[in-house]
C-alpha cells in the first residue's frame, strides 16, 4: 500500500475523472496479481476481492469524498456553494460524488461476469482463507478463479499436447477439486473456500 497505492493515488481527486486513469489501473492490477498470486487471465473484478483492497476507482472516489468533507467544513471557501448546492444533473449517467463506495462495490460485483461468482456474498470483506500462508492462499485463489497450470490451461497455452489427468478425464481446476477420484475434496469447491480445507491444500501442493 505504501509503495504502490500512495504513488498511484497522489492528488487523485484532481485527475480521477480523466480518461487516462486506465493507465494507472493497469499498474495497480499488476500489483494485485502479485499479491493474490493469480495469472494475467484473471478477470479484473476478482482481483480486488482476493486481495481485499477496494477497486482503484472506488478508492479514488473515497479520496474525493474526503476532500468534499473538508470543503463542506469550510463555508468561507468559494467552492463550498458548488458542493452544498450542486447543479441539477441533466444526464442520467451522472452519479453523485457522495455515493457510498462499499455499496457501489457490491453493485459492481453483482454485474461482474466471472467464474464462481456465487462463492462470494460480500466482496468488501476478507474472503475465507485470506490469512493463510502465502503458498496456500495463492493456490486457493487459483482454484477459485479456475486458472492455474492444469492440463486444460496448459493445452490452451500450447504448453502440452493433452489435457487428460491420470484418472482419464480432462484436467481442469474444477475437476481436480470437485470430481476427480484421485484428488477430490469432500464438499467440492464451495468447501474449499473454508479454512478447514487447509489440510487438503497442503496435500495437493506437496
Protein backbone atom coordinates (compact mmCIF):
# COMPACT_ATOMS: atom_id res chain seq x y z
CA UNK A 1 0.00 0.00 0.00
CA UNK A 2 2.82 2.40 0.87
CA UNK A 3 4.96 1.70 -2.17
CA UNK A 4 2.33 1.41 -4.90
CA UNK A 5 -1.00 2.95 -3.95
CA UNK A 6 0.41 6.05 -2.28
CA UNK A 7 2.08 6.98 -5.58
CA UNK A 8 -0.75 5.86 -7.85
CA UNK A 9 -3.37 7.84 -5.90
CA UNK A 10 -1.45 11.05 -5.29
CA UNK A 11 -3.83 14.01 -5.82
CA UNK A 12 -6.44 11.56 -7.12
CA UNK A 13 -9.45 13.92 -6.62
CA UNK A 14 -7.92 16.24 -9.20
CA UNK A 15 -7.43 13.74 -12.03
CA UNK A 16 -9.78 10.86 -11.10
CA UNK A 17 -12.21 11.69 -13.92
CA UNK A 18 -9.53 11.79 -16.58
CA UNK A 19 -9.90 9.25 -19.43
CA UNK A 20 -6.29 8.24 -18.79
CA UNK A 21 -6.94 6.72 -15.35
CA UNK A 22 -6.88 3.31 -17.02
CA UNK A 23 -3.12 3.63 -17.45
CA UNK A 24 -2.74 3.84 -13.68
CA UNK A 25 -5.17 0.99 -13.11
CA UNK A 26 -3.13 -1.33 -15.33
CA UNK A 27 -0.18 -0.98 -12.99
CA UNK A 28 -2.36 -1.42 -9.89
CA UNK A 29 -3.89 -4.56 -11.40
CA UNK A 30 -0.38 -5.92 -11.86
CA UNK A 31 0.24 -5.25 -8.17
CA UNK A 32 -2.95 -7.08 -7.21
CA UNK A 33 -1.88 -10.10 -9.25
CA UNK A 34 1.40 -10.21 -7.35
CA UNK A 35 -0.46 -10.05 -4.03
CA UNK A 36 -3.00 -12.74 -4.91
CA UNK A 37 -0.60 -14.96 -6.89
CA UNK A 38 -3.01 -15.14 -9.84
CA UNK A 39 -2.44 -15.15 -13.59
CA UNK A 40 -2.93 -12.38 -16.16
CA UNK A 41 -6.04 -14.12 -17.49
CA UNK A 42 -7.97 -13.49 -14.25
CA UNK A 43 -10.85 -11.02 -14.80
CA UNK A 44 -10.28 -7.71 -13.04
CA UNK A 45 -13.37 -7.83 -10.73
CA UNK A 46 -11.87 -10.84 -8.91
CA UNK A 47 -8.51 -9.21 -8.12
CA UNK A 48 -9.67 -6.64 -5.51
CA UNK A 49 -11.81 -9.29 -3.82
CA UNK A 50 -8.89 -11.72 -3.46
CA UNK A 51 -6.53 -9.01 -2.21
CA UNK A 52 -9.21 -7.35 -0.03
CA UNK A 53 -8.32 -3.93 -1.46
CA UNK A 54 -11.08 -1.75 -2.84
CA UNK A 55 -11.03 -1.28 -6.64
CA UNK A 56 -8.91 1.72 -7.76
CA UNK A 57 -11.90 3.71 -9.00
CA UNK A 58 -13.68 3.36 -5.66
CA UNK A 59 -10.55 4.27 -3.72
CA UNK A 60 -10.25 7.44 -5.81
CA UNK A 61 -13.89 8.07 -5.06
CA UNK A 62 -13.18 7.75 -1.33
CA UNK A 63 -10.35 10.29 -1.62
CA UNK A 64 -12.72 12.66 -3.40
CA UNK A 65 -15.32 12.20 -0.66
CA UNK A 66 -12.74 13.04 1.99
CA UNK A 67 -11.88 16.23 0.14
CA UNK A 68 -15.57 17.12 -0.12
CA UNK A 69 -15.99 16.76 3.62
CA UNK A 70 -13.14 19.18 4.11
CA UNK A 71 -14.73 21.66 1.69
CA UNK A 72 -18.11 21.42 3.42
CA UNK A 73 -16.45 22.16 6.75
CA UNK A 74 -15.16 25.49 5.37
CA UNK A 75 -18.15 27.55 4.33
CA UNK A 76 -15.95 30.55 3.51
CA UNK A 77 -14.31 28.77 0.59
CA UNK A 78 -15.67 29.77 -2.86
CA UNK A 79 -16.14 26.13 -3.86
CA UNK A 80 -18.35 25.47 -0.83
CA UNK A 81 -21.57 26.57 -2.52
CA UNK A 82 -20.88 24.39 -5.57
CA UNK A 83 -20.74 21.30 -3.35
CA UNK A 84 -23.60 22.08 -0.97
CA UNK A 85 -25.91 23.26 -3.77
CA UNK A 86 -24.90 21.24 -6.82
CA UNK A 87 -26.43 21.96 -10.19
CA UNK A 88 -29.23 19.71 -11.43
CA UNK A 89 -27.89 16.64 -13.25
CA UNK A 90 -29.23 16.74 -16.79
CA UNK A 91 -27.79 13.35 -17.78
CA UNK A 92 -28.91 10.10 -16.14
CA UNK A 93 -25.36 8.78 -16.46
CA UNK A 94 -24.12 11.34 -13.93
CA UNK A 95 -23.63 9.81 -10.49
CA UNK A 96 -23.43 11.83 -7.26
CA UNK A 97 -19.95 12.18 -5.81
CA UNK A 98 -21.15 11.23 -2.35
CA UNK A 99 -22.31 7.70 -3.21
CA UNK A 100 -21.13 5.11 -0.65
CA UNK A 101 -18.20 3.14 -2.10
CA UNK A 102 -19.00 -0.09 -0.24
CA UNK A 103 -22.48 -0.12 -1.77
CA UNK A 104 -21.02 0.73 -5.17
CA UNK A 105 -18.53 -2.15 -4.94
CA UNK A 106 -21.35 -4.56 -4.11
CA UNK A 107 -23.39 -3.31 -7.07
CA UNK A 108 -20.40 -3.66 -9.39
CA UNK A 109 -19.82 -7.21 -8.17
CA UNK A 110 -23.41 -8.20 -8.90
CA UNK A 111 -22.92 -7.34 -12.56
CA UNK A 112 -19.46 -8.93 -12.84
CA UNK A 113 -19.39 -11.90 -15.20
CA UNK A 114 -16.68 -14.02 -13.57
CA UNK A 115 -16.25 -17.70 -12.81
CA UNK A 116 -17.50 -18.95 -9.42
CA UNK A 117 -19.28 -15.64 -8.80
CA UNK A 118 -21.70 -17.29 -6.35
CA UNK A 119 -18.92 -18.13 -3.87
CA UNK A 120 -18.62 -14.50 -2.78
CA UNK A 121 -21.56 -12.99 -0.89
CA UNK A 122 -19.83 -9.75 0.07
CA UNK A 123 -16.82 -8.57 -1.98
CA UNK A 124 -15.94 -5.83 0.52
CA UNK A 125 -14.81 -8.22 3.28
CA UNK A 126 -11.83 -10.56 3.52
CA UNK A 127 -12.70 -13.89 1.97
CA UNK A 128 -12.19 -17.23 3.79
CA UNK A 129 -8.56 -18.29 3.60
CA UNK A 130 -7.25 -14.73 3.26
CA UNK A 131 -4.89 -15.14 6.22
CA UNK A 132 -3.45 -18.47 5.12
CA UNK A 133 0.26 -18.89 4.44
CA UNK A 134 1.14 -17.33 1.06
CA UNK A 135 1.56 -20.57 -0.87
CA UNK A 136 -1.76 -21.99 0.29
CA UNK A 137 -3.56 -18.67 -0.19
CA UNK A 138 -2.23 -18.44 -3.75
CA UNK A 139 -3.32 -21.99 -4.51
CA UNK A 140 -6.74 -21.29 -3.05
CA UNK A 141 -7.11 -18.26 -5.31
CA UNK A 142 -6.11 -20.33 -8.34
CA UNK A 143 -8.86 -22.87 -7.65
CA UNK A 144 -11.42 -20.12 -7.04
CA UNK A 145 -10.56 -18.36 -10.32
CA UNK A 146 -10.18 -21.68 -12.23
CA UNK A 147 -6.82 -20.57 -13.61
CA UNK A 148 -3.61 -22.47 -12.93
CA UNK A 149 -1.12 -24.75 -14.64
CA UNK A 150 -3.65 -27.57 -15.02
CA UNK A 151 -3.94 -29.73 -18.15
CA UNK A 152 -6.75 -27.69 -19.72
CA UNK A 153 -4.90 -24.39 -19.28
CA UNK A 154 -1.58 -25.80 -20.46
CA UNK A 155 -3.18 -27.18 -23.60
CA UNK A 156 -4.88 -23.84 -24.26
CA UNK A 157 -1.49 -22.14 -23.89
CA UNK A 158 0.14 -24.73 -26.22
CA UNK A 159 2.38 -25.99 -23.41
CA UNK A 160 1.22 -29.61 -23.65
CA UNK A 161 -0.39 -31.92 -26.20
CA UNK A 162 -3.01 -33.41 -23.87
CA UNK A 163 -5.30 -32.11 -21.17
CA UNK A 164 -6.01 -35.53 -19.65
CA UNK A 165 -5.34 -36.31 -15.97
CA UNK A 166 -4.11 -39.74 -14.77
CA UNK A 167 -7.75 -40.57 -13.97
CA UNK A 168 -8.51 -40.34 -17.70
CA UNK A 169 -10.65 -37.18 -17.54
CA UNK A 170 -9.94 -33.65 -18.76
CA UNK A 171 -7.91 -31.87 -16.08
CA UNK A 172 -9.49 -28.55 -15.12
CA UNK A 173 -9.28 -26.78 -11.80
CA UNK A 174 -12.89 -27.65 -11.02
CA UNK A 175 -12.35 -31.31 -11.97
CA UNK A 176 -9.39 -31.57 -9.56
CA UNK A 177 -11.38 -30.38 -6.56
CA UNK A 178 -14.93 -31.45 -7.45
CA UNK A 179 -14.97 -34.81 -9.22
CA UNK A 180 -11.53 -36.38 -9.72
CA UNK A 181 -11.36 -39.73 -7.84
CA UNK A 182 -7.64 -39.12 -7.21
CA UNK A 183 -7.80 -35.63 -5.72
CA UNK A 184 -11.47 -34.80 -4.99
CA UNK A 185 -12.19 -32.72 -1.88
CA UNK A 186 -15.23 -33.71 0.14
CA UNK A 187 -17.77 -30.96 -0.38
CA UNK A 188 -16.11 -29.72 -3.56
CA UNK A 189 -15.17 -26.18 -4.49
CA UNK A 190 -17.62 -24.49 -2.12
CA UNK A 191 -15.93 -26.26 0.82
CA UNK A 192 -12.52 -25.15 -0.43
CA UNK A 193 -13.42 -21.57 0.49
CA UNK A 194 -13.45 -22.65 4.15
CA UNK A 195 -10.36 -22.77 6.34
CA UNK A 196 -11.00 -26.48 7.03
CA UNK A 197 -9.57 -27.23 3.57
CA UNK A 198 -6.01 -26.31 4.66
CA UNK A 199 -5.02 -29.97 5.02
CA UNK A 200 -6.29 -30.75 1.51
CA UNK A 201 -4.41 -27.77 0.04
CA UNK A 202 -1.23 -28.87 1.83
CA UNK A 203 -1.54 -32.41 0.47
CA UNK A 204 -2.34 -31.24 -3.04
CA UNK A 205 0.55 -28.76 -3.13
CA UNK A 206 3.14 -31.21 -1.77
